[in-house]
Amino acid sequence: MEKHPIENIMTTTMENIRDMVDVNTVIGDPVTAAEGATIIPISRVSFGFVAGGGEYSAKPELSDIPFAGGSGAGVTVQPMGFLTITGSQVRLTPVQYAAPIDRVIDMLPGVVKDVRDFLAGDGGEN
């Protein structure tokens, strides 16, 4: 039995979406910086798909019934942040923060480390 035209439309659209969205869209190619750090971009990918069609006759057993159909898809790629790998440390740097407190929370481990290093040293005296 021959495929219905709407099946062909849906198959073609899904194949095109599969070609557009792959793992390299979500996790980008790593880039090595001059200092030896590796930076990997991370993105959020969303997509939608719709297909539909109809026949112009009340008698579906006729083979020469005109068919009308269509499909569409939309893809959104939103950068989310960067994974930065330096030595044995991995850090996620978001592209944008929802609130200033997010930035403070992100900076807190570095501040604590700096204070700990300062207190473990000579207290800033030379």
Protein backbone atom coordinates (compact mmCIF):
# COMPACT_ATOMS: atom_id res chain seq x y z
CA MET A 1 0.00 0.00 0.00
CA GLU A 2 1.30 3.45 -0.92
CA LYS A 3 2.12 5.90 1.84
CA HIS A 4 -0.28 8.73 2.46
CA PRO A 5 1.14 12.12 1.39
CA ILE A 6 1.05 13.44 4.97
CA GLU A 7 3.47 10.67 6.00
CA ASN A 8 5.95 11.83 3.37
CA ILE A 9 5.65 15.43 4.58
CA MET A 10 6.22 14.42 8.23
CA THR A 11 9.15 12.17 7.36
CA THR A 12 10.89 14.90 5.35
CA THR A 13 10.39 17.48 8.10
CA MET A 14 11.69 15.18 10.85
CA GLU A 15 14.77 14.29 8.77
CA ASN A 16 15.52 17.99 8.29
CA ILE A 17 15.17 18.65 12.04
CA ARG A 18 17.50 15.72 12.77
CA ASP A 19 20.08 17.23 10.42
CA MET A 20 19.82 20.66 12.07
CA VAL A 21 19.97 19.61 15.72
CA ASP A 22 22.80 17.37 16.82
CA VAL A 23 24.93 17.06 19.95
CA ASN A 24 27.38 19.69 18.65
CA THR A 25 24.56 22.24 18.79
CA VAL A 26 24.03 21.66 22.54
CA ILE A 27 27.66 21.02 23.54
CA GLY A 28 29.92 23.08 21.29
CA ASP A 29 33.41 22.26 20.10
CA PRO A 30 36.07 22.79 22.80
CA VAL A 31 38.44 25.74 22.39
CA THR A 32 41.86 25.76 24.05
CA ALA A 33 42.93 29.17 25.33
CA ALA A 34 46.53 30.40 25.42
CA GLU A 35 46.78 29.76 29.18
CA GLY A 36 45.91 26.09 28.68
CA ALA A 37 42.28 26.35 29.76
CA THR A 38 39.69 24.51 27.70
CA ILE A 39 36.40 26.33 27.09
CA ILE A 40 33.28 24.45 25.99
CA PRO A 41 30.11 26.38 25.02
CA ILE A 42 26.78 25.02 26.31
CA SER A 43 23.43 25.91 24.70
CA ARG A 44 19.75 25.15 25.20
CA VAL A 45 17.98 23.86 22.10
CA SER A 46 14.20 23.92 21.72
CA PHE A 47 12.20 22.93 18.71
CA GLY A 48 8.60 22.53 17.66
CA PHE A 49 6.99 20.64 14.83
CA VAL A 50 3.58 20.72 13.19
CA ALA A 51 2.13 18.91 10.18
CA GLY A 52 -1.32 18.67 8.72
CA GLY A 53 -3.25 18.00 5.59
CA GLY A 54 -6.61 17.24 4.13
CA GLU A 55 -8.37 15.62 1.22
CA TYR A 56 -10.97 17.32 -0.93
CA SER A 57 -13.45 14.47 -1.27
CA ALA A 58 -15.91 12.61 0.90
CA LYS A 59 -14.99 9.33 -0.89
CA PRO A 60 -11.50 8.29 0.33
CA GLU A 61 -11.50 5.16 -1.86
CA LEU A 62 -10.88 7.31 -4.96
CA SER A 63 -7.19 7.40 -5.85
CA ASP A 64 -7.20 10.72 -7.69
CA ILE A 65 -8.42 12.81 -4.74
CA PRO A 66 -6.51 16.09 -4.48
CA PHE A 67 -4.50 16.38 -1.30
CA ALA A 68 -3.26 19.53 0.41
CA GLY A 69 -0.80 19.46 3.25
CA GLY A 70 2.03 21.23 4.89
CA SER A 71 4.43 21.13 7.76
CA GLY A 72 6.65 23.45 9.66
CA ALA A 73 9.30 23.44 12.31
CA GLY A 74 11.05 25.99 14.44
CA VAL A 75 14.36 25.72 16.25
CA THR A 76 15.73 28.02 18.93
CA VAL A 77 19.33 27.87 20.13
CA GLN A 78 20.01 29.89 23.30
CA PRO A 79 23.54 30.15 24.70
CA MET A 80 23.51 29.13 28.37
CA GLY A 81 27.13 29.33 29.46
CA PHE A 82 30.64 28.00 29.18
CA LEU A 83 32.42 25.12 30.90
CA THR A 84 35.95 26.22 31.68
CA ILE A 85 38.42 23.45 32.47
CA THR A 86 41.72 24.53 34.00
CA GLY A 87 43.94 21.78 35.37
CA SER A 88 41.69 19.75 37.66
CA GLN A 89 39.05 22.50 38.10
CA VAL A 90 35.83 22.70 36.11
CA ARG A 91 33.72 25.84 36.30
CA LEU A 92 30.38 26.73 34.71
CA THR A 93 30.14 30.38 33.72
CA PRO A 94 26.57 31.37 32.85
CA VAL A 95 26.00 33.75 29.95
CA GLN A 96 23.44 35.78 31.88
CA TYR A 97 22.30 35.91 35.46
CA ALA A 98 18.68 36.07 36.52
CA ALA A 99 19.45 38.28 39.52
CA PRO A 100 22.50 39.97 41.11
CA ILE A 101 22.46 37.37 43.89
CA ASP A 102 23.26 34.71 41.26
CA ARG A 103 26.49 36.54 40.44
CA VAL A 104 27.38 36.84 44.14
CA ILE A 105 26.79 33.12 44.70
CA ASP A 106 28.92 32.30 41.66
CA MET A 107 31.80 34.49 42.92
CA LEU A 108 31.65 33.22 46.54
CA PRO A 109 33.96 30.17 46.19
CA GLY A 110 36.69 32.35 44.65
CA VAL A 111 36.37 34.95 47.41
CA VAL A 112 36.53 32.28 50.13
CA LYS A 113 39.65 30.80 48.52
CA ASP A 114 41.31 34.24 48.31
CA VAL A 115 40.54 34.98 51.98
CA ARG A 116 41.78 31.55 53.05
CA ASP A 117 45.01 32.02 51.06
CA PHE A 118 45.46 35.50 52.56
CA LEU A 119 44.97 34.25 56.12
CA ALA A 120 47.27 31.26 55.58
CA GLY A 121 50.03 33.57 54.28
CA ASP A 122 51.76 36.36 56.13
CA GLY A 123 48.64 38.52 56.42
CA GLY A 124 49.74 40.77 53.57
CA GLU A 125 52.96 41.87 55.31
CA ASN A 126 56.18 41.84 53.28
